[in-house]
Amino acid sequence: MRINETMHRASSSARKHHETETSLMQTMSLSIHTDHEIRKQAEMIFNELGLTLPTAIDIFLRASVRAKGMPFALSLDDAAGETRLAIEEGRRLADDPNVKGYKNMADLKAALEA
């Protein structure tokens, strides 16, 4: 019986500490503007996970604080890499003396129509 009383007191003390800690947390309202369709899609995903949109946003904010930055890697997509390669190819062609160039649009059009 003594062990149960001690465990009950410890559990009760921890519960009171948690309740006090929880009541000290201040919340605030956050207003954001986002694409309507993206919001709907995100809400459907979060609902399947058992989360509300505000809860998901709170998780994101907490993860950002924990990571001291974005909680995921930011990277450029493949299209940006393709664009970079196309620009490099254009520069090589512009510098290549064997590639015919045109001084005006009329000459270019004439060459294309030939």
C-alpha atoms as a PDB file:
ATOM      1  CA  MET A   1       0.000   0.000   0.000  1.00  0.00           C
ATOM      2  CA  ARG A   2       2.878   2.345   0.740  1.00  0.00           C
ATOM      3  CA  ILE A   3       4.286   1.994  -2.807  1.00  0.00           C
ATOM      4  CA  ASN A   4       0.928   2.825  -4.383  1.00  0.00           C
ATOM      5  CA  GLU A   5       0.572   5.963  -2.232  1.00  0.00           C
ATOM      6  CA  THR A   6       4.071   7.128  -3.252  1.00  0.00           C
ATOM      7  CA  MET A   7       3.366   6.433  -6.933  1.00  0.00           C
ATOM      8  CA  HIS A   8       0.020   8.247  -6.697  1.00  0.00           C
ATOM      9  CA  ARG A   9       1.672  11.296  -5.088  1.00  0.00           C
ATOM     10  CA  ALA A  10       4.418  11.361  -7.744  1.00  0.00           C
ATOM     11  CA  SER A  11       1.869  11.025 -10.532  1.00  0.00           C
ATOM     12  CA  SER A  12      -0.311  13.730  -8.994  1.00  0.00           C
ATOM     13  CA  SER A  13       2.691  16.039  -8.621  1.00  0.00           C
ATOM     14  CA  ALA A  14       3.765  15.503 -12.242  1.00  0.00           C
ATOM     15  CA  ARG A  15       0.217  16.150 -13.427  1.00  0.00           C
ATOM     16  CA  LYS A  16       0.025  19.417 -11.446  1.00  0.00           C
ATOM     17  CA  HIS A  17       3.418  20.499 -12.850  1.00  0.00           C
ATOM     18  CA  HIS A  18       2.220  19.767 -16.413  1.00  0.00           C
ATOM     19  CA  GLU A  19      -1.061  21.631 -15.865  1.00  0.00           C
ATOM     20  CA  THR A  20       0.832  24.654 -14.492  1.00  0.00           C
ATOM     21  CA  GLU A  21       3.314  24.534 -17.365  1.00  0.00           C
ATOM     22  CA  THR A  22       0.493  24.241 -19.916  1.00  0.00           C
ATOM     23  CA  SER A  23      -1.468  27.118 -18.415  1.00  0.00           C
ATOM     24  CA  LEU A  24       1.631  29.338 -18.646  1.00  0.00           C
ATOM     25  CA  MET A  25       1.988  28.786 -22.422  1.00  0.00           C
ATOM     26  CA  GLN A  26       0.598  31.750 -24.271  1.00  0.00           C
ATOM     27  CA  THR A  27      -0.963  31.323 -27.675  1.00  0.00           C
ATOM     28  CA  MET A  28      -1.554  33.860 -30.389  1.00  0.00           C
ATOM     29  CA  SER A  29      -3.529  34.027 -33.574  1.00  0.00           C
ATOM     30  CA  LEU A  30      -1.634  33.753 -36.877  1.00  0.00           C
ATOM     31  CA  SER A  31      -3.079  34.941 -40.171  1.00  0.00           C
ATOM     32  CA  ILE A  32      -1.502  33.835 -43.454  1.00  0.00           C
ATOM     33  CA  HIS A  33      -2.403  34.237 -47.095  1.00  0.00           C
ATOM     34  CA  THR A  34      -1.993  31.172 -49.281  1.00  0.00           C
ATOM     35  CA  ASP A  35      -3.315  29.665 -52.480  1.00  0.00           C
ATOM     36  CA  HIS A  36      -6.831  28.287 -51.923  1.00  0.00           C
ATOM     37  CA  GLU A  37      -6.210  25.039 -53.835  1.00  0.00           C
ATOM     38  CA  ILE A  38      -2.944  24.346 -51.978  1.00  0.00           C
ATOM     39  CA  ARG A  39      -4.724  24.905 -48.663  1.00  0.00           C
ATOM     40  CA  LYS A  40      -7.480  22.440 -49.605  1.00  0.00           C
ATOM     41  CA  GLN A  41      -4.953  19.798 -50.695  1.00  0.00           C
ATOM     42  CA  ALA A  42      -2.884  20.278 -47.523  1.00  0.00           C
ATOM     43  CA  GLU A  43      -5.977  20.060 -45.311  1.00  0.00           C
ATOM     44  CA  MET A  44      -6.975  16.767 -46.969  1.00  0.00           C
ATOM     45  CA  ILE A  45      -3.511  15.317 -46.302  1.00  0.00           C
ATOM     46  CA  PHE A  46      -3.436  16.552 -42.700  1.00  0.00           C
ATOM     47  CA  ASN A  47      -6.965  15.240 -42.079  1.00  0.00           C
ATOM     48  CA  GLU A  48      -5.828  11.785 -43.220  1.00  0.00           C
ATOM     49  CA  LEU A  49      -2.991  12.089 -40.696  1.00  0.00           C
ATOM     50  CA  GLY A  50      -5.456  13.071 -37.981  1.00  0.00           C
ATOM     51  CA  LEU A  51      -4.197  16.673 -37.851  1.00  0.00           C
ATOM     52  CA  THR A  52      -5.842  20.025 -38.286  1.00  0.00           C
ATOM     53  CA  LEU A  53      -4.172  22.722 -40.394  1.00  0.00           C
ATOM     54  CA  PRO A  54      -3.345  24.843 -37.312  1.00  0.00           C
ATOM     55  CA  THR A  55      -1.758  21.794 -35.632  1.00  0.00           C
ATOM     56  CA  ALA A  56       0.311  21.054 -38.769  1.00  0.00           C
ATOM     57  CA  ILE A  57       1.477  24.677 -38.917  1.00  0.00           C
ATOM     58  CA  ASP A  58       2.389  24.543 -35.225  1.00  0.00           C
ATOM     59  CA  ILE A  59       4.415  21.369 -35.856  1.00  0.00           C
ATOM     60  CA  PHE A  60       6.210  23.129 -38.733  1.00  0.00           C
ATOM     61  CA  LEU A  61       7.023  26.149 -36.547  1.00  0.00           C
ATOM     62  CA  ARG A  62       8.319  23.974 -33.710  1.00  0.00           C
ATOM     63  CA  ALA A  63      10.454  21.937 -36.126  1.00  0.00           C
ATOM     64  CA  SER A  64      11.857  25.203 -37.537  1.00  0.00           C
ATOM     65  CA  VAL A  65      12.814  26.374 -34.045  1.00  0.00           C
ATOM     66  CA  ARG A  66      14.394  23.006 -33.251  1.00  0.00           C
ATOM     67  CA  ALA A  67      16.337  23.008 -36.570  1.00  0.00           C
ATOM     68  CA  LYS A  68      17.187  26.717 -36.214  1.00  0.00           C
ATOM     69  CA  GLY A  69      16.093  27.067 -39.850  1.00  0.00           C
ATOM     70  CA  MET A  70      13.876  25.356 -42.350  1.00  0.00           C
ATOM     71  CA  PRO A  71      13.096  21.825 -41.133  1.00  0.00           C
ATOM     72  CA  PHE A  72      13.808  20.411 -44.592  1.00  0.00           C
ATOM     73  CA  ALA A  73      16.365  20.948 -47.335  1.00  0.00           C
ATOM     74  CA  LEU A  74      15.704  23.664 -49.868  1.00  0.00           C
ATOM     75  CA  SER A  75      16.869  22.877 -53.377  1.00  0.00           C
ATOM     76  CA  LEU A  76      16.371  23.987 -56.932  1.00  0.00           C
ATOM     77  CA  ASP A  77      14.366  21.672 -59.145  1.00  0.00           C
ATOM     78  CA  ASP A  78      15.740  19.979 -62.276  1.00  0.00           C
ATOM     79  CA  ALA A  79      14.322  22.682 -64.552  1.00  0.00           C
ATOM     80  CA  ALA A  80      16.762  25.160 -63.013  1.00  0.00           C
ATOM     81  CA  GLY A  81      19.628  22.779 -63.830  1.00  0.00           C
ATOM     82  CA  GLU A  82      18.383  22.451 -67.401  1.00  0.00           C
ATOM     83  CA  THR A  83      18.165  26.230 -67.697  1.00  0.00           C
ATOM     84  CA  ARG A  84      21.733  26.584 -66.453  1.00  0.00           C
ATOM     85  CA  LEU A  85      22.927  24.030 -69.026  1.00  0.00           C
ATOM     86  CA  ALA A  86      21.031  25.810 -71.814  1.00  0.00           C
ATOM     87  CA  ILE A  87      22.633  29.129 -70.870  1.00  0.00           C
ATOM     88  CA  GLU A  88      26.081  27.515 -70.867  1.00  0.00           C
ATOM     89  CA  GLU A  89      25.399  25.995 -74.308  1.00  0.00           C
ATOM     90  CA  GLY A  90      24.246  29.379 -75.627  1.00  0.00           C
ATOM     91  CA  ARG A  91      27.442  31.010 -74.386  1.00  0.00           C
ATOM     92  CA  ARG A  92      29.588  28.288 -76.024  1.00  0.00           C
ATOM     93  CA  LEU A  93      27.748  28.752 -79.320  1.00  0.00           C
ATOM     94  CA  ALA A  94      28.077  32.539 -79.116  1.00  0.00           C
ATOM     95  CA  ASP A  95      31.837  32.226 -78.573  1.00  0.00           C
ATOM     96  CA  ASP A  96      32.341  29.561 -81.288  1.00  0.00           C
ATOM     97  CA  PRO A  97      33.736  31.203 -84.469  1.00  0.00           C
ATOM     98  CA  ASN A  98      32.463  28.245 -86.569  1.00  0.00           C
ATOM     99  CA  VAL A  99      28.821  28.980 -85.690  1.00  0.00           C
ATOM    100  CA  LYS A 100      27.126  31.376 -88.121  1.00  0.00           C
ATOM    101  CA  GLY A 101      25.703  34.454 -86.446  1.00  0.00           C
ATOM    102  CA  TYR A 102      23.225  37.043 -87.658  1.00  0.00           C
ATOM    103  CA  LYS A 103      23.416  40.800 -87.166  1.00  0.00           C
ATOM    104  CA  ASN A 104      19.672  41.413 -87.526  1.00  0.00           C
ATOM    105  CA  MET A 105      16.322  39.631 -87.556  1.00  0.00           C
ATOM    106  CA  ALA A 106      15.874  39.975 -91.317  1.00  0.00           C
ATOM    107  CA  ASP A 107      19.056  37.980 -91.988  1.00  0.00           C
ATOM    108  CA  LEU A 108      18.014  35.327 -89.440  1.00  0.00           C
ATOM    109  CA  LYS A 109      14.530  35.037 -90.971  1.00  0.00           C
ATOM    110  CA  ALA A 110      16.001  34.710 -94.456  1.00  0.00           C
ATOM    111  CA  ALA A 111      18.311  31.918 -93.296  1.00  0.00           C
ATOM    112  CA  LEU A 112      15.439  30.070 -91.593  1.00  0.00           C
ATOM    113  CA  GLU A 113      13.220  30.306 -94.693  1.00  0.00           C
ATOM    114  CA  ALA A 114      15.966  29.080 -97.019  1.00  0.00           C
END
